[in-house]
Amino acid sequence: MTNGILCAIDFSSPSSDALKWSINLAQRLSVPLTVLYTYRLFKHNGEAVALKKQMEADAARNFTIVENEMLKGKGIQYDFKSEIGFVDDRIAEHVKNNKISFLVMDRGLSARSKENLEDFIGNLQIPLVIVP
């Protein structure tokens, strides 16, 4: 198996558990891991650009904490993506454009999908691991 793992997170405690699971799997399979954080950008008093910059800065800061606590020294190749959009749309785009073998996410993040979970899984066409 040469394809990687995609782990969708929102920096909550449950998504931290999903990331731990993903790291363990990436180590065992010797595959790269992509950590994906998605967010919605709502226009706020005409300050959408400033809000986007703030969201991106917050995500980068949060990922640095996660990286230091969970990823460094684990012997896996990883990268971090922070993107605007619905979780399921961003995941579908990553699966379509990258070599992804597994998607890992927590139950809460999967429940916030804009689609019915069954439809999302049916359209995904790769194995999905939902961590409680």
N, C-alpha and C. Protein backbone atom coordinates (compact mmCIF):
# COMPACT_ATOMS: atom_id res chain seq x y z
N MET A 1 0.85 -1.18 0.00
CA MET A 1 0.00 0.00 0.00
C MET A 1 0.90 1.24 0.00
N THR A 2 0.70 2.11 -0.96
CA THR A 2 1.52 3.31 -1.05
C THR A 2 0.72 4.59 -0.83
N ASN A 3 -0.59 4.48 -0.75
CA ASN A 3 -1.42 5.67 -0.59
C ASN A 3 -1.48 6.10 0.86
N GLY A 4 -1.82 7.37 1.07
CA GLY A 4 -1.81 7.93 2.40
C GLY A 4 -3.14 7.90 3.11
N ILE A 5 -3.12 8.52 4.28
CA ILE A 5 -4.28 8.62 5.15
C ILE A 5 -4.66 10.09 5.24
N LEU A 6 -5.95 10.35 5.19
CA LEU A 6 -6.48 11.70 5.38
C LEU A 6 -7.23 11.71 6.70
N CYS A 7 -6.86 12.62 7.59
CA CYS A 7 -7.54 12.75 8.88
C CYS A 7 -8.15 14.14 8.97
N ALA A 8 -9.47 14.21 9.05
CA ALA A 8 -10.17 15.48 9.19
C ALA A 8 -10.29 15.80 10.67
N ILE A 9 -9.90 17.03 11.04
CA ILE A 9 -9.94 17.43 12.45
C ILE A 9 -10.60 18.79 12.60
N ASP A 10 -10.99 19.08 13.84
CA ASP A 10 -11.49 20.42 14.17
C ASP A 10 -10.85 20.93 15.46
N PHE A 11 -9.78 20.28 15.90
CA PHE A 11 -9.01 20.60 17.10
C PHE A 11 -9.78 20.34 18.39
N SER A 12 -10.87 19.59 18.33
CA SER A 12 -11.59 19.19 19.53
C SER A 12 -10.92 17.94 20.12
N SER A 13 -11.31 17.58 21.32
CA SER A 13 -10.78 16.38 21.96
C SER A 13 -11.09 15.12 21.15
N PRO A 14 -12.33 14.95 20.66
CA PRO A 14 -12.60 13.76 19.84
C PRO A 14 -11.76 13.72 18.56
N SER A 15 -11.52 14.87 17.93
CA SER A 15 -10.71 14.84 16.71
C SER A 15 -9.25 14.56 17.05
N SER A 16 -8.83 14.89 18.25
CA SER A 16 -7.50 14.53 18.71
C SER A 16 -7.37 13.00 18.79
N ASP A 17 -8.42 12.35 19.25
CA ASP A 17 -8.43 10.88 19.29
C ASP A 17 -8.36 10.29 17.88
N ALA A 18 -9.07 10.91 16.95
CA ALA A 18 -9.02 10.45 15.55
C ALA A 18 -7.61 10.63 14.98
N LEU A 19 -6.96 11.73 15.33
CA LEU A 19 -5.61 11.96 14.86
C LEU A 19 -4.64 10.94 15.45
N LYS A 20 -4.79 10.61 16.72
CA LYS A 20 -3.95 9.57 17.34
C LYS A 20 -4.11 8.26 16.59
N TRP A 21 -5.34 7.90 16.27
CA TRP A 21 -5.62 6.68 15.54
C TRP A 21 -4.93 6.73 14.17
N SER A 22 -5.02 7.88 13.50
CA SER A 22 -4.42 8.06 12.18
C SER A 22 -2.89 7.94 12.23
N ILE A 23 -2.30 8.53 13.24
CA ILE A 23 -0.84 8.46 13.40
C ILE A 23 -0.40 7.02 13.57
N ASN A 24 -1.11 6.29 14.43
CA ASN A 24 -0.79 4.89 14.66
C ASN A 24 -0.89 4.09 13.36
N LEU A 25 -1.95 4.31 12.60
CA LEU A 25 -2.14 3.60 11.34
C LEU A 25 -1.05 3.98 10.33
N ALA A 26 -0.72 5.25 10.25
CA ALA A 26 0.33 5.70 9.33
C ALA A 26 1.67 5.07 9.69
N GLN A 27 1.95 4.95 10.98
CA GLN A 27 3.20 4.31 11.40
C GLN A 27 3.22 2.85 11.01
N ARG A 28 2.13 2.14 11.28
CA ARG A 28 2.08 0.71 10.98
C ARG A 28 2.16 0.42 9.49
N LEU A 29 1.55 1.30 8.68
CA LEU A 29 1.53 1.07 7.23
C LEU A 29 2.66 1.78 6.49
N SER A 30 3.41 2.60 7.21
CA SER A 30 4.50 3.39 6.60
C SER A 30 3.99 4.23 5.43
N VAL A 31 2.93 4.99 5.69
CA VAL A 31 2.34 5.84 4.66
C VAL A 31 2.25 7.28 5.20
N PRO A 32 2.17 8.25 4.30
CA PRO A 32 2.04 9.65 4.74
C PRO A 32 0.64 9.95 5.28
N LEU A 33 0.58 10.98 6.09
CA LEU A 33 -0.66 11.42 6.71
C LEU A 33 -0.90 12.87 6.35
N THR A 34 -2.11 13.16 5.90
CA THR A 34 -2.53 14.55 5.69
C THR A 34 -3.58 14.87 6.74
N VAL A 35 -3.35 15.96 7.45
CA VAL A 35 -4.29 16.44 8.46
C VAL A 35 -5.05 17.60 7.84
N LEU A 36 -6.37 17.48 7.80
CA LEU A 36 -7.21 18.47 7.13
C LEU A 36 -8.13 19.16 8.14
N TYR A 37 -8.02 20.47 8.20
CA TYR A 37 -8.91 21.29 9.03
C TYR A 37 -9.74 22.15 8.08
N THR A 38 -11.05 22.02 8.18
CA THR A 38 -11.92 22.84 7.34
C THR A 38 -12.73 23.78 8.22
N TYR A 39 -13.05 24.91 7.66
CA TYR A 39 -13.85 25.87 8.40
C TYR A 39 -14.74 26.62 7.44
N ARG A 40 -15.80 27.15 7.98
CA ARG A 40 -16.73 27.96 7.20
C ARG A 40 -16.39 29.42 7.45
N LEU A 41 -16.47 30.19 6.41
CA LEU A 41 -16.16 31.62 6.51
C LEU A 41 -17.45 32.39 6.28
N PHE A 42 -17.93 33.01 7.33
CA PHE A 42 -19.13 33.81 7.24
C PHE A 42 -18.72 35.27 7.22
N LYS A 43 -19.28 36.01 6.29
CA LYS A 43 -18.96 37.43 6.19
C LYS A 43 -19.42 38.13 7.46
N HIS A 44 -18.52 38.87 8.03
CA HIS A 44 -18.82 39.55 9.29
C HIS A 44 -18.48 41.02 9.13
N ASN A 45 -19.50 41.85 8.99
CA ASN A 45 -19.32 43.31 8.87
C ASN A 45 -18.34 43.69 7.76
N GLY A 46 -18.35 42.98 6.65
CA GLY A 46 -17.49 43.31 5.53
C GLY A 46 -16.02 42.98 5.75
N GLU A 47 -15.71 42.22 6.77
CA GLU A 47 -14.33 41.91 7.12
C GLU A 47 -13.97 40.47 6.79
N ALA A 48 -14.44 39.94 5.68
CA ALA A 48 -14.22 38.55 5.33
C ALA A 48 -12.73 38.23 5.16
N VAL A 49 -11.99 39.11 4.53
CA VAL A 49 -10.56 38.86 4.31
C VAL A 49 -9.82 38.81 5.64
N ALA A 50 -10.11 39.75 6.51
CA ALA A 50 -9.46 39.77 7.83
C ALA A 50 -9.86 38.53 8.64
N LEU A 51 -11.12 38.14 8.55
CA LEU A 51 -11.60 36.96 9.26
C LEU A 51 -10.90 35.70 8.75
N LYS A 52 -10.73 35.59 7.43
CA LYS A 52 -10.02 34.45 6.85
C LYS A 52 -8.58 34.39 7.36
N LYS A 53 -7.91 35.51 7.37
CA LYS A 53 -6.53 35.55 7.86
C LYS A 53 -6.47 35.12 9.33
N GLN A 54 -7.43 35.58 10.12
CA GLN A 54 -7.46 35.20 11.53
C GLN A 54 -7.72 33.71 11.70
N MET A 55 -8.66 33.17 10.93
CA MET A 55 -8.97 31.74 11.01
C MET A 55 -7.75 30.91 10.62
N GLU A 56 -7.06 31.32 9.57
CA GLU A 56 -5.87 30.60 9.12
C GLU A 56 -4.76 30.67 10.17
N ALA A 57 -4.58 31.84 10.77
CA ALA A 57 -3.55 31.99 11.81
C ALA A 57 -3.88 31.13 13.03
N ASP A 58 -5.16 31.12 13.42
CA ASP A 58 -5.58 30.28 14.55
C ASP A 58 -5.35 28.81 14.25
N ALA A 59 -5.69 28.40 13.04
CA ALA A 59 -5.50 27.00 12.65
C ALA A 59 -4.02 26.62 12.67
N ALA A 60 -3.18 27.49 12.15
CA ALA A 60 -1.73 27.22 12.13
C ALA A 60 -1.19 27.13 13.56
N ARG A 61 -1.63 28.01 14.42
CA ARG A 61 -1.19 27.99 15.82
C ARG A 61 -1.66 26.71 16.51
N ASN A 62 -2.92 26.34 16.30
CA ASN A 62 -3.44 25.11 16.89
C ASN A 62 -2.71 23.88 16.36
N PHE A 63 -2.40 23.89 15.06
CA PHE A 63 -1.69 22.74 14.50
C PHE A 63 -0.28 22.64 15.05
N THR A 64 0.37 23.75 15.28
CA THR A 64 1.72 23.71 15.86
C THR A 64 1.70 23.01 17.22
N ILE A 65 0.68 23.27 18.00
CA ILE A 65 0.53 22.61 19.30
C ILE A 65 0.35 21.11 19.09
N VAL A 66 -0.58 20.74 18.20
CA VAL A 66 -0.84 19.34 17.91
C VAL A 66 0.42 18.66 17.36
N GLU A 67 1.10 19.34 16.48
CA GLU A 67 2.32 18.80 15.87
C GLU A 67 3.36 18.50 16.94
N ASN A 68 3.58 19.43 17.85
CA ASN A 68 4.58 19.24 18.90
C ASN A 68 4.19 18.13 19.86
N GLU A 69 2.91 18.02 20.17
CA GLU A 69 2.45 17.03 21.13
C GLU A 69 2.29 15.64 20.53
N MET A 70 1.92 15.56 19.24
CA MET A 70 1.51 14.26 18.71
C MET A 70 2.29 13.76 17.49
N LEU A 71 2.85 14.64 16.69
CA LEU A 71 3.41 14.20 15.42
C LEU A 71 4.94 14.14 15.37
N LYS A 72 5.58 15.11 15.97
CA LYS A 72 7.04 15.14 15.90
C LYS A 72 7.64 13.89 16.54
N GLY A 73 8.62 13.34 15.84
CA GLY A 73 9.31 12.17 16.36
C GLY A 73 8.58 10.85 16.16
N LYS A 74 7.49 10.86 15.42
CA LYS A 74 6.73 9.63 15.19
C LYS A 74 7.22 8.85 13.97
N GLY A 75 8.14 9.46 13.21
CA GLY A 75 8.70 8.76 12.06
C GLY A 75 7.76 8.63 10.88
N ILE A 76 6.81 9.55 10.77
CA ILE A 76 5.91 9.53 9.62
C ILE A 76 6.00 10.85 8.87
N GLN A 77 5.69 10.77 7.60
CA GLN A 77 5.62 11.97 6.77
C GLN A 77 4.20 12.53 6.93
N TYR A 78 4.08 13.83 7.15
CA TYR A 78 2.75 14.41 7.33
C TYR A 78 2.73 15.83 6.79
N ASP A 79 1.51 16.28 6.50
CA ASP A 79 1.32 17.68 6.14
C ASP A 79 -0.02 18.14 6.69
N PHE A 80 -0.20 19.46 6.71
CA PHE A 80 -1.39 20.07 7.26
C PHE A 80 -2.03 20.97 6.22
N LYS A 81 -3.34 20.81 6.06
CA LYS A 81 -4.11 21.65 5.14
C LYS A 81 -5.23 22.32 5.92
N SER A 82 -5.38 23.61 5.73
CA SER A 82 -6.46 24.38 6.33
C SER A 82 -7.25 24.99 5.18
N GLU A 83 -8.52 24.63 5.07
CA GLU A 83 -9.30 25.05 3.90
C GLU A 83 -10.71 25.50 4.28
N ILE A 84 -11.21 26.44 3.51
CA ILE A 84 -12.57 26.94 3.66
C ILE A 84 -13.52 25.98 2.94
N GLY A 85 -14.64 25.66 3.58
CA GLY A 85 -15.67 24.88 2.91
C GLY A 85 -16.34 23.89 3.83
N PHE A 86 -17.28 23.15 3.25
CA PHE A 86 -17.94 22.07 3.99
C PHE A 86 -16.95 20.92 4.13
N VAL A 87 -17.00 20.25 5.25
CA VAL A 87 -16.08 19.14 5.53
C VAL A 87 -16.14 18.10 4.41
N ASP A 88 -17.34 17.67 4.05
CA ASP A 88 -17.45 16.61 3.06
C ASP A 88 -16.98 17.05 1.67
N ASP A 89 -17.20 18.30 1.31
CA ASP A 89 -16.71 18.79 0.01
C ASP A 89 -15.19 18.81 -0.03
N ARG A 90 -14.56 19.29 1.04
CA ARG A 90 -13.10 19.36 1.07
C ARG A 90 -12.49 17.96 1.09
N ILE A 91 -13.12 17.04 1.82
CA ILE A 91 -12.63 15.66 1.84
C ILE A 91 -12.74 15.04 0.45
N ALA A 92 -13.89 15.21 -0.18
CA ALA A 92 -14.09 14.64 -1.52
C ALA A 92 -13.04 15.16 -2.50
N GLU A 93 -12.72 16.43 -2.39
CA GLU A 93 -11.71 17.03 -3.27
C GLU A 93 -10.33 16.42 -3.02
N HIS A 94 -9.99 16.20 -1.76
CA HIS A 94 -8.69 15.60 -1.45
C HIS A 94 -8.62 14.16 -1.93
N VAL A 95 -9.69 13.42 -1.75
CA VAL A 95 -9.71 12.03 -2.20
C VAL A 95 -9.60 11.97 -3.72
N LYS A 96 -10.27 12.88 -4.40
CA LYS A 96 -10.24 12.92 -5.87
C LYS A 96 -8.84 13.28 -6.40
N ASN A 97 -8.16 14.20 -5.76
CA ASN A 97 -6.91 14.74 -6.29
C ASN A 97 -5.64 14.17 -5.67
N ASN A 98 -5.77 13.29 -4.70
CA ASN A 98 -4.60 12.73 -4.02
C ASN A 98 -4.77 11.24 -3.86
N LYS A 99 -3.69 10.58 -3.60
CA LYS A 99 -3.73 9.13 -3.37
C LYS A 99 -4.03 8.89 -1.90
N ILE A 100 -5.31 8.72 -1.60
CA ILE A 100 -5.78 8.51 -0.23
C ILE A 100 -6.38 7.12 -0.13
N SER A 101 -5.95 6.36 0.87
CA SER A 101 -6.48 5.01 1.07
C SER A 101 -7.49 4.92 2.21
N PHE A 102 -7.37 5.82 3.19
CA PHE A 102 -8.25 5.82 4.34
C PHE A 102 -8.60 7.25 4.71
N LEU A 103 -9.83 7.42 5.17
CA LEU A 103 -10.25 8.67 5.79
C LEU A 103 -10.54 8.36 7.25
N VAL A 104 -10.01 9.17 8.14
CA VAL A 104 -10.27 9.01 9.57
C VAL A 104 -10.84 10.33 10.09
N MET A 105 -11.92 10.22 10.84
CA MET A 105 -12.52 11.41 11.44
C MET A 105 -13.28 11.00 12.69
N ASP A 106 -13.59 11.96 13.54
CA ASP A 106 -14.34 11.64 14.75
C ASP A 106 -15.84 11.70 14.47
N ARG A 107 -16.59 11.07 15.34
CA ARG A 107 -18.04 10.98 15.17
C ARG A 107 -18.70 12.36 15.09
N GLY A 108 -18.27 13.30 15.91
CA GLY A 108 -18.86 14.64 15.91
C GLY A 108 -18.63 15.37 14.61
N LEU A 109 -17.44 15.23 14.04
CA LEU A 109 -17.14 15.89 12.77
C LEU A 109 -17.96 15.28 11.65
N SER A 110 -18.13 13.96 11.68
CA SER A 110 -18.94 13.32 10.65
C SER A 110 -20.40 13.72 10.76
N ALA A 111 -20.87 13.99 11.97
CA ALA A 111 -22.27 14.40 12.17
C ALA A 111 -22.52 15.81 11.65
N ARG A 112 -21.47 16.63 11.55
CA ARG A 112 -21.64 18.00 11.06
C ARG A 112 -21.55 18.10 9.54
N SER A 113 -21.43 16.97 8.88
CA SER A 113 -21.38 16.96 7.42
C SER A 113 -22.70 17.51 6.87
N LYS A 114 -22.62 18.19 5.72
CA LYS A 114 -23.85 18.75 5.13
C LYS A 114 -24.71 17.66 4.51
N GLU A 115 -24.13 16.52 4.23
CA GLU A 115 -24.87 15.40 3.64
C GLU A 115 -25.24 14.41 4.73
N ASN A 116 -26.17 13.55 4.40
CA ASN A 116 -26.47 12.40 5.22
C ASN A 116 -25.21 11.55 5.26
N LEU A 117 -24.85 11.03 6.43
CA LEU A 117 -23.62 10.25 6.57
C LEU A 117 -23.59 9.07 5.60
N GLU A 118 -24.71 8.41 5.40
CA GLU A 118 -24.75 7.27 4.47
C GLU A 118 -24.44 7.72 3.04
N ASP A 119 -24.97 8.85 2.63
CA ASP A 119 -24.67 9.38 1.29
C ASP A 119 -23.20 9.75 1.18
N PHE A 120 -22.68 10.36 2.23
CA PHE A 120 -21.27 10.74 2.24
C PHE A 120 -20.38 9.51 2.09
N ILE A 121 -20.65 8.48 2.87
CA ILE A 121 -19.85 7.25 2.80
C ILE A 121 -19.99 6.61 1.43
N GLY A 122 -21.20 6.57 0.89
CA GLY A 122 -21.43 5.97 -0.42
C GLY A 122 -20.69 6.68 -1.53
N ASN A 123 -20.57 7.99 -1.44
CA ASN A 123 -19.87 8.77 -2.46
C ASN A 123 -18.36 8.78 -2.28
N LEU A 124 -17.88 8.39 -1.12
CA LEU A 124 -16.48 8.50 -0.78
C LEU A 124 -15.59 7.52 -1.54
N GLN A 125 -15.99 6.27 -1.62
CA GLN A 125 -15.29 5.21 -2.35
C GLN A 125 -13.92 4.87 -1.79
N ILE A 126 -13.68 5.17 -0.52
CA ILE A 126 -12.51 4.68 0.21
C ILE A 126 -12.99 4.31 1.60
N PRO A 127 -12.23 3.49 2.31
CA PRO A 127 -12.63 3.14 3.68
C PRO A 127 -12.64 4.36 4.60
N LEU A 128 -13.64 4.41 5.46
CA LEU A 128 -13.81 5.49 6.43
C LEU A 128 -13.75 4.89 7.82
N VAL A 129 -12.91 5.46 8.67
CA VAL A 129 -12.85 5.06 10.07
C VAL A 129 -13.40 6.22 10.88
N ILE A 130 -14.48 5.97 11.63
CA ILE A 130 -15.05 6.98 12.50
C ILE A 130 -14.67 6.63 13.93
N VAL A 131 -13.89 7.49 14.55
CA VAL A 131 -13.42 7.26 15.91
C VAL A 131 -14.42 7.89 16.87
N PRO A 132 -14.91 7.11 17.84
CA PRO A 132 -15.91 7.66 18.78
C PRO A 132 -15.35 8.77 19.64
